[in-house]
Amino acid sequence: MSAQQTFLVVLACVLVFIFLWLRSDKIVGQTWFEQLIDPEKGDTAGSFYKILFAALVFALTIFIAAVLLFTSDLKFTDNWAPGTFGDFIGGVLNPFLTFLTFLGLLVTIVLQQHEIREARKDAKELEFVQKKQMAAQQRQSFEATFFQMLTVHNTIVNSMDVRGSRYSDKSSQAPNKYRLKATNQEYKSRDCFQFFTNELHQFYDNYASDNDLDEVEKINQSYSHFWLKHQGDLGHYFRYLFNVVRFIDENAPPADDTTPDKRRYMKLLRAQLSDFELLMIFYNCLTNYGEDFKRYVEQYTLLNNFPPNMEFKPEHKLFFNESAYHEASSDHADTVIQEIKL
């Protein structure tokens, strides 16, 4: 077999080996290379030291072998001379050293990719932490404002002061169950709402027997007269209460594992309201004065604690969606409202 044929056979064997090597699931040396660029413990100084030591040993071995061949009688040709010796050393070591340089370049590229990947990962983690911190700050800011608004709301209620008459159940003239014996007395704080309820019921009774009006019109007419008389007492109350509810709806942070949803804040607000306050809100929402408020009442079940049989007529409760009284129905109302917004 000639030298050319031998070279072609060796080249073919090398190419087949490389092809099979690349097709294998776990390439020979891959684990070592992964440990080189991404060690589990410490850095890669030990691995690079091994490569450097192996390269020096290989170069030293080639040099000693060449010296032995040069000084011995084993010569491949009769022209074996120092120049030939130098060419032999360079021809063997230069490709090997070039390969090591190329390997170092590959390792550098892989390390840079690894650093970029880690930097991106750290950036994402930092962004996540910053978002969590921002959400926590927003929640704290919202809750501070919310509880301050609750304090102001209670201050408004506690500052109420009206003077008027009450009627007694024992009186034959008593038109409804809320009235007590006629007296001219002063009402303060939440007691005012029982007085307002009595007043509104009196106005409603004036229209109760009018068959030309339906119930909605009777409520609107009676509430309009009531409002003209007590707007100065209740105007600030309803405006502020409406703005508290709207503030929760528009500014409450999104719910997650650490943040309650809007309903939790609405429940805290609802817990501040007395039975007679709920009754006044009930009838306010059935008039033109409270159309916008009614949407929030139904969305957030603000009448969940509404006392039974407290309305002037049982059919009045039918003027609200079921979601105003029960939270299960309110979940469906939320879905409908979100679809409308979209």
C-alpha atoms as a PDB file:
ATOM      1  CA  MET A   1       0.000   0.000   0.000  1.00  0.00           C
ATOM      2  CA  SER A   2       1.430   3.324  -1.020  1.00  0.00           C
ATOM      3  CA  ALA A   3       1.831   6.296   1.338  1.00  0.00           C
ATOM      4  CA  GLN A   4      -0.997   8.144  -0.447  1.00  0.00           C
ATOM      5  CA  GLN A   5      -3.384   5.240   0.018  1.00  0.00           C
ATOM      6  CA  THR A   6      -2.382   4.922   3.656  1.00  0.00           C
ATOM      7  CA  PHE A   7      -3.108   8.629   4.188  1.00  0.00           C
ATOM      8  CA  LEU A   8      -6.553   8.336   2.592  1.00  0.00           C
ATOM      9  CA  VAL A   9      -7.438   5.320   4.759  1.00  0.00           C
ATOM     10  CA  VAL A  10      -6.356   7.098   7.932  1.00  0.00           C
ATOM     11  CA  LEU A  11      -8.288  10.246   6.886  1.00  0.00           C
ATOM     12  CA  ALA A  12     -11.419   8.186   6.220  1.00  0.00           C
ATOM     13  CA  CYS A  13     -11.103   6.490   9.642  1.00  0.00           C
ATOM     14  CA  VAL A  14     -10.728   9.874  11.331  1.00  0.00           C
ATOM     15  CA  LEU A  15     -13.819  11.284   9.572  1.00  0.00           C
ATOM     16  CA  VAL A  16     -15.907   8.228  10.509  1.00  0.00           C
ATOM     17  CA  PHE A  17     -14.769   8.553  14.113  1.00  0.00           C
ATOM     18  CA  ILE A  18     -15.670  12.254  14.183  1.00  0.00           C
ATOM     19  CA  PHE A  19     -19.109  11.548  12.657  1.00  0.00           C
ATOM     20  CA  LEU A  20     -19.897   8.816  15.194  1.00  0.00           C
ATOM     21  CA  TRP A  21     -18.551  10.979  17.997  1.00  0.00           C
ATOM     22  CA  LEU A  22     -20.853  13.887  17.117  1.00  0.00           C
ATOM     23  CA  ARG A  23     -23.885  11.576  16.755  1.00  0.00           C
ATOM     24  CA  SER A  24     -23.494  10.096  20.238  1.00  0.00           C
ATOM     25  CA  ASP A  25     -25.775  11.372  23.059  1.00  0.00           C
ATOM     26  CA  LYS A  26     -22.900  11.945  25.417  1.00  0.00           C
ATOM     27  CA  ILE A  27     -19.807  13.082  23.591  1.00  0.00           C
ATOM     28  CA  VAL A  28     -16.536  11.801  24.999  1.00  0.00           C
ATOM     29  CA  GLY A  29     -14.994  14.501  27.149  1.00  0.00           C
ATOM     30  CA  GLN A  30     -18.197  16.569  27.343  1.00  0.00           C
ATOM     31  CA  THR A  31     -18.522  16.105  31.115  1.00  0.00           C
ATOM     32  CA  TRP A  32     -14.949  17.224  31.628  1.00  0.00           C
ATOM     33  CA  PHE A  33     -15.481  20.245  29.363  1.00  0.00           C
ATOM     34  CA  GLU A  34     -18.682  21.219  31.241  1.00  0.00           C
ATOM     35  CA  GLN A  35     -16.815  21.013  34.533  1.00  0.00           C
ATOM     36  CA  LEU A  36     -14.098  23.154  33.010  1.00  0.00           C
ATOM     37  CA  ILE A  37     -16.394  26.027  32.075  1.00  0.00           C
ATOM     38  CA  ASP A  38     -18.986  25.622  34.844  1.00  0.00           C
ATOM     39  CA  PRO A  39     -17.486  23.934  37.916  1.00  0.00           C
ATOM     40  CA  GLU A  40     -19.769  22.948  40.763  1.00  0.00           C
ATOM     41  CA  LYS A  41     -17.262  24.077  43.377  1.00  0.00           C
ATOM     42  CA  GLY A  42     -14.567  26.711  43.201  1.00  0.00           C
ATOM     43  CA  ASP A  43     -13.085  27.921  39.921  1.00  0.00           C
ATOM     44  CA  THR A  44     -11.415  26.194  36.923  1.00  0.00           C
ATOM     45  CA  ALA A  45      -7.806  26.934  37.904  1.00  0.00           C
ATOM     46  CA  GLY A  46      -7.154  23.259  38.648  1.00  0.00           C
ATOM     47  CA  SER A  47      -8.484  22.142  35.241  1.00  0.00           C
ATOM     48  CA  PHE A  48      -6.401  24.706  33.364  1.00  0.00           C
ATOM     49  CA  TYR A  49      -3.341  23.711  35.371  1.00  0.00           C
ATOM     50  CA  LYS A  50      -3.839  20.113  34.232  1.00  0.00           C
ATOM     51  CA  ILE A  51      -4.069  21.224  30.599  1.00  0.00           C
ATOM     52  CA  LEU A  52      -0.918  23.347  30.936  1.00  0.00           C
ATOM     53  CA  PHE A  53       0.956  20.545  32.667  1.00  0.00           C
ATOM     54  CA  ALA A  54      -0.108  18.024  29.985  1.00  0.00           C
ATOM     55  CA  ALA A  55       0.989  20.401  27.224  1.00  0.00           C
ATOM     56  CA  LEU A  56       4.396  20.938  28.870  1.00  0.00           C
ATOM     57  CA  VAL A  57       4.867  17.199  29.371  1.00  0.00           C
ATOM     58  CA  PHE A  58       3.929  16.535  25.748  1.00  0.00           C
ATOM     59  CA  ALA A  59       6.292  19.224  24.454  1.00  0.00           C
ATOM     60  CA  LEU A  60       9.085  18.036  26.706  1.00  0.00           C
ATOM     61  CA  THR A  61       8.526  14.449  25.577  1.00  0.00           C
ATOM     62  CA  ILE A  62       8.732  15.421  21.910  1.00  0.00           C
ATOM     63  CA  PHE A  63      11.879  17.466  22.583  1.00  0.00           C
ATOM     64  CA  ILE A  64      13.622  14.647  24.480  1.00  0.00           C
ATOM     65  CA  ALA A  65      12.603  12.111  21.802  1.00  0.00           C
ATOM     66  CA  ALA A  66      13.956  14.390  19.081  1.00  0.00           C
ATOM     67  CA  VAL A  67      17.243  14.890  20.960  1.00  0.00           C
ATOM     68  CA  LEU A  68      17.630  11.163  21.435  1.00  0.00           C
ATOM     69  CA  LEU A  69      16.975  10.555  17.761  1.00  0.00           C
ATOM     70  CA  PHE A  70      19.438  13.291  16.775  1.00  0.00           C
ATOM     71  CA  THR A  71      22.254  11.976  18.996  1.00  0.00           C
ATOM     72  CA  SER A  72      21.651   8.304  18.252  1.00  0.00           C
ATOM     73  CA  ASP A  73      22.370   6.282  15.164  1.00  0.00           C
ATOM     74  CA  LEU A  74      18.610   6.050  14.369  1.00  0.00           C
ATOM     75  CA  LYS A  75      18.166   8.482  11.517  1.00  0.00           C
ATOM     76  CA  PHE A  76      15.364   8.474   8.999  1.00  0.00           C
ATOM     77  CA  THR A  77      17.586  10.036   6.333  1.00  0.00           C
ATOM     78  CA  ASP A  78      21.224  10.778   5.758  1.00  0.00           C
ATOM     79  CA  ASN A  79      20.479  14.516   5.785  1.00  0.00           C
ATOM     80  CA  TRP A  80      19.538  14.564   9.484  1.00  0.00           C
ATOM     81  CA  ALA A  81      20.953  17.940  10.626  1.00  0.00           C
ATOM     82  CA  PRO A  82      20.187  20.654  13.256  1.00  0.00           C
ATOM     83  CA  GLY A  83      17.979  22.481  10.733  1.00  0.00           C
ATOM     84  CA  THR A  84      16.038  19.336  10.147  1.00  0.00           C
ATOM     85  CA  PHE A  85      15.806  18.803  13.881  1.00  0.00           C
ATOM     86  CA  GLY A  86      14.325  22.295  14.339  1.00  0.00           C
ATOM     87  CA  ASP A  87      11.826  21.749  11.582  1.00  0.00           C
ATOM     88  CA  PHE A  88      10.815  18.476  13.174  1.00  0.00           C
ATOM     89  CA  ILE A  89      10.235  20.090  16.568  1.00  0.00           C
ATOM     90  CA  GLY A  90       8.278  22.981  15.038  1.00  0.00           C
ATOM     91  CA  GLY A  91       6.248  20.732  12.792  1.00  0.00           C
ATOM     92  CA  VAL A  92       5.126  18.582  15.729  1.00  0.00           C
ATOM     93  CA  LEU A  93       4.616  21.199  18.427  1.00  0.00           C
ATOM     94  CA  ASN A  94       3.179  24.105  16.409  1.00  0.00           C
ATOM     95  CA  PRO A  95      -0.101  22.343  15.463  1.00  0.00           C
ATOM     96  CA  PHE A  96      -0.473  21.133  19.032  1.00  0.00           C
ATOM     97  CA  LEU A  97       0.092  24.592  20.493  1.00  0.00           C
ATOM     98  CA  THR A  98      -2.215  26.113  17.868  1.00  0.00           C
ATOM     99  CA  PHE A  99      -4.888  23.618  18.880  1.00  0.00           C
ATOM    100  CA  LEU A 100      -4.486  24.637  22.531  1.00  0.00           C
ATOM    101  CA  THR A 101      -4.838  28.290  21.513  1.00  0.00           C
ATOM    102  CA  PHE A 102      -8.020  27.470  19.578  1.00  0.00           C
ATOM    103  CA  LEU A 103      -9.313  25.503  22.573  1.00  0.00           C
ATOM    104  CA  GLY A 104      -8.642  28.477  24.824  1.00  0.00           C
ATOM    105  CA  LEU A 105     -10.587  30.715  22.428  1.00  0.00           C
ATOM    106  CA  LEU A 106     -13.549  28.325  22.505  1.00  0.00           C
ATOM    107  CA  VAL A 107     -13.451  28.201  26.279  1.00  0.00           C
ATOM    108  CA  THR A 108     -13.386  32.014  26.389  1.00  0.00           C
ATOM    109  CA  ILE A 109     -16.446  32.236  24.120  1.00  0.00           C
ATOM    110  CA  VAL A 110     -18.335  29.667  26.184  1.00  0.00           C
ATOM    111  CA  LEU A 111     -17.423  31.443  29.426  1.00  0.00           C
ATOM    112  CA  GLN A 112     -18.637  34.751  28.003  1.00  0.00           C
ATOM    113  CA  GLN A 113     -21.917  33.129  26.997  1.00  0.00           C
ATOM    114  CA  HIS A 114     -22.220  31.688  30.475  1.00  0.00           C
ATOM    115  CA  GLU A 115     -21.560  35.087  32.069  1.00  0.00           C
ATOM    116  CA  ILE A 116     -24.114  36.770  29.787  1.00  0.00           C
ATOM    117  CA  ARG A 117     -26.691  34.108  30.687  1.00  0.00           C
ATOM    118  CA  GLU A 118     -26.010  34.556  34.390  1.00  0.00           C
ATOM    119  CA  ALA A 119     -26.180  38.342  34.015  1.00  0.00           C
ATOM    120  CA  ARG A 120     -29.573  38.047  32.320  1.00  0.00           C
ATOM    121  CA  LYS A 121     -30.772  35.698  35.032  1.00  0.00           C
ATOM    122  CA  ASP A 122     -29.596  38.100  37.735  1.00  0.00           C
ATOM    123  CA  ALA A 123     -31.267  40.988  35.902  1.00  0.00           C
ATOM    124  CA  LYS A 124     -34.574  39.103  35.784  1.00  0.00           C
ATOM    125  CA  GLU A 125     -34.315  38.251  39.468  1.00  0.00           C
ATOM    126  CA  LEU A 126     -33.497  41.871  40.294  1.00  0.00           C
ATOM    127  CA  GLU A 127     -36.443  43.048  38.190  1.00  0.00           C
ATOM    128  CA  PHE A 128     -38.713  40.582  40.006  1.00  0.00           C
ATOM    129  CA  VAL A 129     -37.487  41.800  43.398  1.00  0.00           C
ATOM    130  CA  GLN A 130     -37.941  45.426  42.369  1.00  0.00           C
ATOM    131  CA  LYS A 131     -41.485  44.695  41.193  1.00  0.00           C
ATOM    132  CA  LYS A 132     -42.245  42.992  44.515  1.00  0.00           C
ATOM    133  CA  GLN A 133     -40.830  45.944  46.421  1.00  0.00           C
ATOM    134  CA  MET A 134     -42.762  48.415  44.272  1.00  0.00           C
ATOM    135  CA  ALA A 135     -45.972  46.401  44.755  1.00  0.00           C
ATOM    136  CA  ALA A 136     -45.385  46.344  48.515  1.00  0.00           C
ATOM    137  CA  GLN A 137     -44.810  50.113  48.550  1.00  0.00           C
ATOM    138  CA  GLN A 138     -47.947  50.687  46.495  1.00  0.00           C
ATOM    139  CA  ARG A 139     -49.943  48.463  48.832  1.00  0.00           C
ATOM    140  CA  GLN A 140     -48.629  50.274  51.903  1.00  0.00           C
ATOM    141  CA  SER A 141     -49.393  53.645  50.319  1.00  0.00           C
ATOM    142  CA  PHE A 142     -52.893  52.519  49.344  1.00  0.00           C
ATOM    143  CA  GLU A 143     -53.659  51.063  52.780  1.00  0.00           C
ATOM    144  CA  ALA A 144     -52.375  54.165  54.550  1.00  0.00           C
ATOM    145  CA  THR A 145     -54.679  56.326  52.431  1.00  0.00           C
ATOM    146  CA  PHE A 146     -57.569  53.881  52.785  1.00  0.00           C
ATOM    147  CA  PHE A 147     -57.453  53.746  56.573  1.00  0.00           C
ATOM    148  CA  GLN A 148     -57.067  57.507  56.713  1.00  0.00           C
ATOM    149  CA  MET A 149     -60.204  57.820  54.573  1.00  0.00           C
ATOM    150  CA  LEU A 150     -62.043  55.467  56.947  1.00  0.00           C
ATOM    151  CA  THR A 151     -61.025  57.715  59.820  1.00  0.00           C
ATOM    152  CA  VAL A 152     -62.312  60.776  57.988  1.00  0.00           C
ATOM    153  CA  HIS A 153     -65.563  58.953  57.153  1.00  0.00           C
ATOM    154  CA  ASN A 154     -66.132  58.120  60.820  1.00  0.00           C
ATOM    155  CA  THR A 155     -65.327  61.711  61.707  1.00  0.00           C
ATOM    156  CA  ILE A 156     -68.011  62.902  59.300  1.00  0.00           C
ATOM    157  CA  VAL A 157     -70.548  60.516  60.875  1.00  0.00           C
ATOM    158  CA  ASN A 158     -69.591  61.469  64.423  1.00  0.00           C
ATOM    159  CA  SER A 159     -69.910  65.170  63.603  1.00  0.00           C
ATOM    160  CA  MET A 160     -73.541  64.813  62.460  1.00  0.00           C
ATOM    161  CA  ASP A 161     -76.018  66.669  64.623  1.00  0.00           C
ATOM    162  CA  VAL A 162     -79.705  67.091  63.768  1.00  0.00           C
ATOM    163  CA  ARG A 163     -82.791  68.049  65.711  1.00  0.00           C
ATOM    164  CA  GLY A 164     -86.233  66.679  64.928  1.00  0.00           C
ATOM    165  CA  SER A 165     -89.289  64.715  66.033  1.00  0.00           C
ATOM    166  CA  ARG A 166     -89.710  61.000  66.582  1.00  0.00           C
ATOM    167  CA  TYR A 167     -92.922  59.023  66.886  1.00  0.00           C
ATOM    168  CA  SER A 168     -93.784  56.052  69.071  1.00  0.00           C
ATOM    169  CA  ASP A 169     -95.007  52.594  68.055  1.00  0.00           C
ATOM    170  CA  LYS A 170     -97.553  52.938  70.858  1.00  0.00           C
ATOM    171  CA  SER A 171     -99.142  55.908  69.174  1.00  0.00           C
ATOM    172  CA  SER A 172    -102.131  55.118  66.970  1.00  0.00           C
ATOM    173  CA  GLN A 173    -100.750  57.627  64.455  1.00  0.00           C
ATOM    174  CA  ALA A 174     -97.467  55.751  63.994  1.00  0.00           C
ATOM    175  CA  PRO A 175     -97.117  55.088  60.229  1.00  0.00           C
ATOM    176  CA  ASN A 176     -94.237  52.595  60.500  1.00  0.00           C
ATOM    177  CA  LYS A 177     -92.146  50.560  62.917  1.00  0.00           C
ATOM    178  CA  TYR A 178     -89.260  53.046  63.119  1.00  0.00           C
ATOM    179  CA  ARG A 179     -91.129  55.892  64.766  1.00  0.00           C
ATOM    180  CA  LEU A 180     -91.162  56.650  68.450  1.00  0.00           C
ATOM    181  CA  LYS A 181     -93.216  58.998  70.574  1.00  0.00           C
ATOM    182  CA  ALA A 182     -93.268  62.563  69.303  1.00  0.00           C
ATOM    183  CA  THR A 183     -90.522  64.548  70.918  1.00  0.00           C
ATOM    184  CA  ASN A 184     -88.280  67.356  69.824  1.00  0.00           C
ATOM    185  CA  GLN A 185     -84.798  66.108  70.526  1.00  0.00           C
ATOM    186  CA  GLU A 186     -81.262  66.214  69.230  1.00  0.00           C
ATOM    187  CA  TYR A 187     -79.635  63.306  67.427  1.00  0.00           C
ATOM    188  CA  LYS A 188     -75.905  62.822  67.079  1.00  0.00           C
ATOM    189  CA  SER A 189     -73.564  60.561  65.184  1.00  0.00           C
ATOM    190  CA  ARG A 190     -75.130  57.343  63.825  1.00  0.00           C
ATOM    191  CA  ASP A 191     -78.412  57.961  65.649  1.00  0.00           C
ATOM    192  CA  CYS A 192     -79.067  60.590  62.980  1.00  0.00           C
ATOM    193  CA  PHE A 193     -79.595  57.865  60.388  1.00  0.00           C
ATOM    194  CA  GLN A 194     -82.532  56.413  62.285  1.00  0.00           C
ATOM    195  CA  PHE A 195     -84.056  59.887  62.235  1.00  0.00           C
ATOM    196  CA  PHE A 196     -83.320  60.217  58.507  1.00  0.00           C
ATOM    197  CA  THR A 197     -84.980  56.849  57.930  1.00  0.00           C
ATOM    198  CA  ASN A 198     -88.104  58.010  59.737  1.00  0.00           C
ATOM    199  CA  GLU A 199     -88.168  61.219  57.730  1.00  0.00           C
ATOM    200  CA  LEU A 200     -87.778  59.393  54.409  1.00  0.00           C
ATOM    201  CA  HIS A 201     -90.518  56.928  55.345  1.00  0.00           C
ATOM    202  CA  GLN A 202     -92.870  59.802  56.056  1.00  0.00           C
ATOM    203  CA  PHE A 203     -92.245  61.263  52.619  1.00  0.00           C
ATOM    204  CA  TYR A 204     -92.708  57.831  51.049  1.00  0.00           C
ATOM    205  CA  ASP A 205     -96.044  57.350  52.860  1.00  0.00           C
ATOM    206  CA  ASN A 206     -97.277  60.552  51.241  1.00  0.00           C
ATOM    207  CA  TYR A 207     -96.946  58.871  47.837  1.00  0.00           C
ATOM    208  CA  ALA A 208     -97.781  55.295  48.845  1.00  0.00           C
ATOM    209  CA  SER A 209    -101.464  55.640  47.994  1.00  0.00           C
ATOM    210  CA  ASP A 210    -100.887  57.372  44.657  1.00  0.00           C
ATOM    211  CA  ASN A 211    -101.887  54.739  42.093  1.00  0.00           C
ATOM    212  CA  ASP A 212    -100.699  56.869  39.191  1.00  0.00           C
ATOM    213  CA  LEU A 213     -97.050  56.290  40.189  1.00  0.00           C
ATOM    214  CA  ASP A 214     -95.120  53.027  40.140  1.00  0.00           C
ATOM    215  CA  GLU A 215     -92.822  52.111  43.017  1.00  0.00           C
ATOM    216  CA  VAL A 216     -89.694  53.522  41.388  1.00  0.00           C
ATOM    217  CA  GLU A 217     -91.398  56.862  40.820  1.00  0.00           C
ATOM    218  CA  LYS A 218     -92.746  56.893  44.367  1.00  0.00           C
ATOM    219  CA  ILE A 219     -89.251  56.307  45.724  1.00  0.00           C
ATOM    220  CA  ASN A 220     -87.772  59.024  43.486  1.00  0.00           C
ATOM    221  CA  GLN A 221     -90.449  61.560  44.374  1.00  0.00           C
ATOM    222  CA  SER A 222     -90.270  60.924  48.102  1.00  0.00           C
ATOM    223  CA  TYR A 223     -86.449  60.899  48.117  1.00  0.00           C
ATOM    224  CA  SER A 224     -86.311  64.161  46.150  1.00  0.00           C
ATOM    225  CA  HIS A 225     -88.425  65.917  48.780  1.00  0.00           C
ATOM    226  CA  PHE A 226     -86.396  64.318  51.551  1.00  0.00           C
ATOM    227  CA  TRP A 227     -83.146  65.388  49.863  1.00  0.00           C
ATOM    228  CA  LEU A 228     -84.230  68.987  49.556  1.00  0.00           C
ATOM    229  CA  LYS A 229     -84.757  69.054  53.298  1.00  0.00           C
ATOM    230  CA  HIS A 230     -81.619  67.150  54.396  1.00  0.00           C
ATOM    231  CA  GLN A 231     -79.089  67.702  51.630  1.00  0.00           C
ATOM    232  CA  GLY A 232     -77.019  69.842  53.955  1.00  0.00           C
ATOM    233  CA  ASP A 233     -76.853  66.988  56.467  1.00  0.00           C
ATOM    234  CA  LEU A 234     -76.247  64.087  54.075  1.00  0.00           C
ATOM    235  CA  GLY A 235     -74.576  65.614  51.005  1.00  0.00           C
ATOM    236  CA  HIS A 236     -71.065  65.479  52.430  1.00  0.00           C
ATOM    237  CA  TYR A 237     -71.653  61.980  53.815  1.00  0.00           C
ATOM    238  CA  PHE A 238     -72.705  60.432  50.498  1.00  0.00           C
ATOM    239  CA  ARG A 239     -70.095  62.263  48.431  1.00  0.00           C
ATOM    240  CA  TYR A 240     -67.281  61.117  50.670  1.00  0.00           C
ATOM    241  CA  LEU A 241     -68.569  57.551  50.992  1.00  0.00           C
ATOM    242  CA  PHE A 242     -68.879  57.285  47.208  1.00  0.00           C
ATOM    243  CA  ASN A 243     -65.308  58.509  46.788  1.00  0.00           C
ATOM    244  CA  VAL A 244     -64.011  55.974  49.313  1.00  0.00           C
ATOM    245  CA  VAL A 245     -65.665  53.170  47.332  1.00  0.00           C
ATOM    246  CA  ARG A 246     -64.373  54.540  44.037  1.00  0.00           C
ATOM    247  CA  PHE A 247     -60.879  54.913  45.502  1.00  0.00           C
ATOM    248  CA  ILE A 248     -60.859  51.208  46.425  1.00  0.00           C
ATOM    249  CA  ASP A 249     -62.171  50.188  43.017  1.00  0.00           C
ATOM    250  CA  GLU A 250     -59.635  52.229  41.058  1.00  0.00           C
ATOM    251  CA  ASN A 251     -56.531  52.076  43.254  1.00  0.00           C
ATOM    252  CA  ALA A 252     -56.528  48.822  45.215  1.00  0.00           C
ATOM    253  CA  PRO A 253     -53.397  46.815  44.282  1.00  0.00           C
ATOM    254  CA  PRO A 254     -53.905  43.525  42.416  1.00  0.00           C
ATOM    255  CA  ALA A 255     -54.507  40.559  44.696  1.00  0.00           C
ATOM    256  CA  ASP A 256     -51.716  38.007  45.260  1.00  0.00           C
ATOM    257  CA  ASP A 257     -50.473  35.725  48.040  1.00  0.00           C
ATOM    258  CA  THR A 258     -49.758  38.686  50.315  1.00  0.00           C
ATOM    259  CA  THR A 259     -52.293  41.250  49.106  1.00  0.00           C
ATOM    260  CA  PRO A 260     -56.055  40.950  49.677  1.00  0.00           C
ATOM    261  CA  ASP A 261     -58.370  41.712  46.807  1.00  0.00           C
ATOM    262  CA  LYS A 262     -60.690  44.709  46.582  1.00  0.00           C
ATOM    263  CA  ARG A 263     -63.514  42.856  48.355  1.00  0.00           C
ATOM    264  CA  ARG A 264     -61.475  42.634  51.547  1.00  0.00           C
ATOM    265  CA  TYR A 265     -61.197  46.410  51.668  1.00  0.00           C
ATOM    266  CA  MET A 266     -64.874  46.762  50.776  1.00  0.00           C
ATOM    267  CA  LYS A 267     -65.747  44.469  53.675  1.00  0.00           C
ATOM    268  CA  LEU A 268     -63.766  46.680  56.031  1.00  0.00           C
ATOM    269  CA  LEU A 269     -65.708  49.670  54.767  1.00  0.00           C
ATOM    270  CA  ARG A 270     -69.013  47.793  54.981  1.00  0.00           C
ATOM    271  CA  ALA A 271     -68.266  46.892  58.584  1.00  0.00           C
ATOM    272  CA  GLN A 272     -68.279  50.612  59.432  1.00  0.00           C
ATOM    273  CA  LEU A 273     -71.886  51.053  58.294  1.00  0.00           C
ATOM    274  CA  SER A 274     -74.847  50.723  60.660  1.00  0.00           C
ATOM    275  CA  ASP A 275     -78.173  49.158  59.661  1.00  0.00           C
ATOM    276  CA  PHE A 276     -79.805  52.543  59.146  1.00  0.00           C
ATOM    277  CA  GLU A 277     -76.858  53.750  57.084  1.00  0.00           C
ATOM    278  CA  LEU A 278     -77.327  50.726  54.832  1.00  0.00           C
ATOM    279  CA  LEU A 279     -81.007  51.552  54.524  1.00  0.00           C
ATOM    280  CA  MET A 280     -80.256  55.144  53.496  1.00  0.00           C
ATOM    281  CA  ILE A 281     -77.680  53.864  50.961  1.00  0.00           C
ATOM    282  CA  PHE A 282     -80.294  51.373  49.739  1.00  0.00           C
ATOM    283  CA  TYR A 283     -82.811  54.098  48.857  1.00  0.00           C
ATOM    284  CA  ASN A 284     -80.212  56.568  47.672  1.00  0.00           C
ATOM    285  CA  CYS A 285     -79.103  54.057  45.019  1.00  0.00           C
ATOM    286  CA  LEU A 286     -82.687  53.616  43.776  1.00  0.00           C
ATOM    287  CA  THR A 287     -82.887  57.297  42.817  1.00  0.00           C
ATOM    288  CA  ASN A 288     -81.206  59.495  40.265  1.00  0.00           C
ATOM    289  CA  TYR A 289     -78.898  60.750  43.027  1.00  0.00           C
ATOM    290  CA  GLY A 290     -77.255  57.355  43.496  1.00  0.00           C
ATOM    291  CA  GLU A 291     -77.164  55.764  40.033  1.00  0.00           C
ATOM    292  CA  ASP A 292     -73.359  55.633  39.971  1.00  0.00           C
ATOM    293  CA  PHE A 293     -73.209  54.348  43.535  1.00  0.00           C
ATOM    294  CA  LYS A 294     -75.615  51.496  42.722  1.00  0.00           C
ATOM    295  CA  ARG A 295     -73.098  49.940  40.327  1.00  0.00           C
ATOM    296  CA  TYR A 296     -70.518  49.651  43.103  1.00  0.00           C
ATOM    297  CA  VAL A 297     -73.121  48.354  45.562  1.00  0.00           C
ATOM    298  CA  GLU A 298     -73.978  45.499  43.198  1.00  0.00           C
ATOM    299  CA  GLN A 299     -70.383  44.823  42.190  1.00  0.00           C
ATOM    300  CA  TYR A 300     -68.997  44.597  45.737  1.00  0.00           C
ATOM    301  CA  THR A 301     -72.049  43.261  47.624  1.00  0.00           C
ATOM    302  CA  LEU A 302     -72.292  46.270  49.906  1.00  0.00           C
ATOM    303  CA  LEU A 303     -75.778  45.192  51.052  1.00  0.00           C
ATOM    304  CA  ASN A 304     -74.581  41.801  52.224  1.00  0.00           C
ATOM    305  CA  ASN A 305     -75.442  42.701  55.836  1.00  0.00           C
ATOM    306  CA  PHE A 306     -78.713  44.389  54.951  1.00  0.00           C
ATOM    307  CA  PRO A 307     -81.211  43.547  57.746  1.00  0.00           C
ATOM    308  CA  PRO A 308     -84.260  41.531  56.643  1.00  0.00           C
ATOM    309  CA  ASN A 309     -87.639  43.275  56.325  1.00  0.00           C
ATOM    310  CA  MET A 310     -86.117  46.692  56.904  1.00  0.00           C
ATOM    311  CA  GLU A 311     -87.068  48.139  53.510  1.00  0.00           C
ATOM    312  CA  PHE A 312     -90.347  50.073  53.243  1.00  0.00           C
ATOM    313  CA  LYS A 313     -91.870  47.406  50.985  1.00  0.00           C
ATOM    314  CA  PRO A 314     -90.470  43.888  50.310  1.00  0.00           C
ATOM    315  CA  GLU A 315     -90.598  44.384  46.561  1.00  0.00           C
ATOM    316  CA  HIS A 316     -88.068  47.200  46.805  1.00  0.00           C
ATOM    317  CA  LYS A 317     -85.264  44.651  47.236  1.00  0.00           C
ATOM    318  CA  LEU A 318     -86.008  43.388  43.730  1.00  0.00           C
ATOM    319  CA  PHE A 319     -84.754  46.675  42.275  1.00  0.00           C
ATOM    320  CA  PHE A 320     -81.176  45.515  42.966  1.00  0.00           C
ATOM    321  CA  ASN A 321     -79.368  42.646  41.297  1.00  0.00           C
ATOM    322  CA  GLU A 322     -78.837  39.611  43.486  1.00  0.00           C
ATOM    323  CA  SER A 323     -75.124  40.452  43.547  1.00  0.00           C
ATOM    324  CA  ALA A 324     -75.874  43.357  45.893  1.00  0.00           C
ATOM    325  CA  TYR A 325     -76.827  40.878  48.639  1.00  0.00           C
ATOM    326  CA  HIS A 326     -74.784  37.728  47.928  1.00  0.00           C
ATOM    327  CA  GLU A 327     -71.101  37.495  47.071  1.00  0.00           C
ATOM    328  CA  ALA A 328     -71.473  34.400  44.855  1.00  0.00           C
ATOM    329  CA  SER A 329     -73.628  36.414  42.480  1.00  0.00           C
ATOM    330  CA  SER A 330     -71.249  39.355  42.776  1.00  0.00           C
ATOM    331  CA  ASP A 331     -68.425  37.291  41.272  1.00  0.00           C
ATOM    332  CA  HIS A 332     -70.511  36.961  38.125  1.00  0.00           C
ATOM    333  CA  ALA A 333     -71.189  40.691  38.189  1.00  0.00           C
ATOM    334  CA  ASP A 334     -67.443  41.380  38.317  1.00  0.00           C
ATOM    335  CA  THR A 335     -66.947  39.250  35.210  1.00  0.00           C
ATOM    336  CA  VAL A 336     -69.661  41.098  33.336  1.00  0.00           C
ATOM    337  CA  ILE A 337     -68.232  44.505  34.340  1.00  0.00           C
ATOM    338  CA  GLN A 338     -64.723  43.499  33.226  1.00  0.00           C
ATOM    339  CA  GLU A 339     -66.093  42.379  29.859  1.00  0.00           C
ATOM    340  CA  ILE A 340     -67.881  45.698  29.478  1.00  0.00           C
ATOM    341  CA  LYS A 341     -64.625  47.586  30.244  1.00  0.00           C
ATOM    342  CA  LEU A 342     -62.758  45.538  27.639  1.00  0.00           C
END
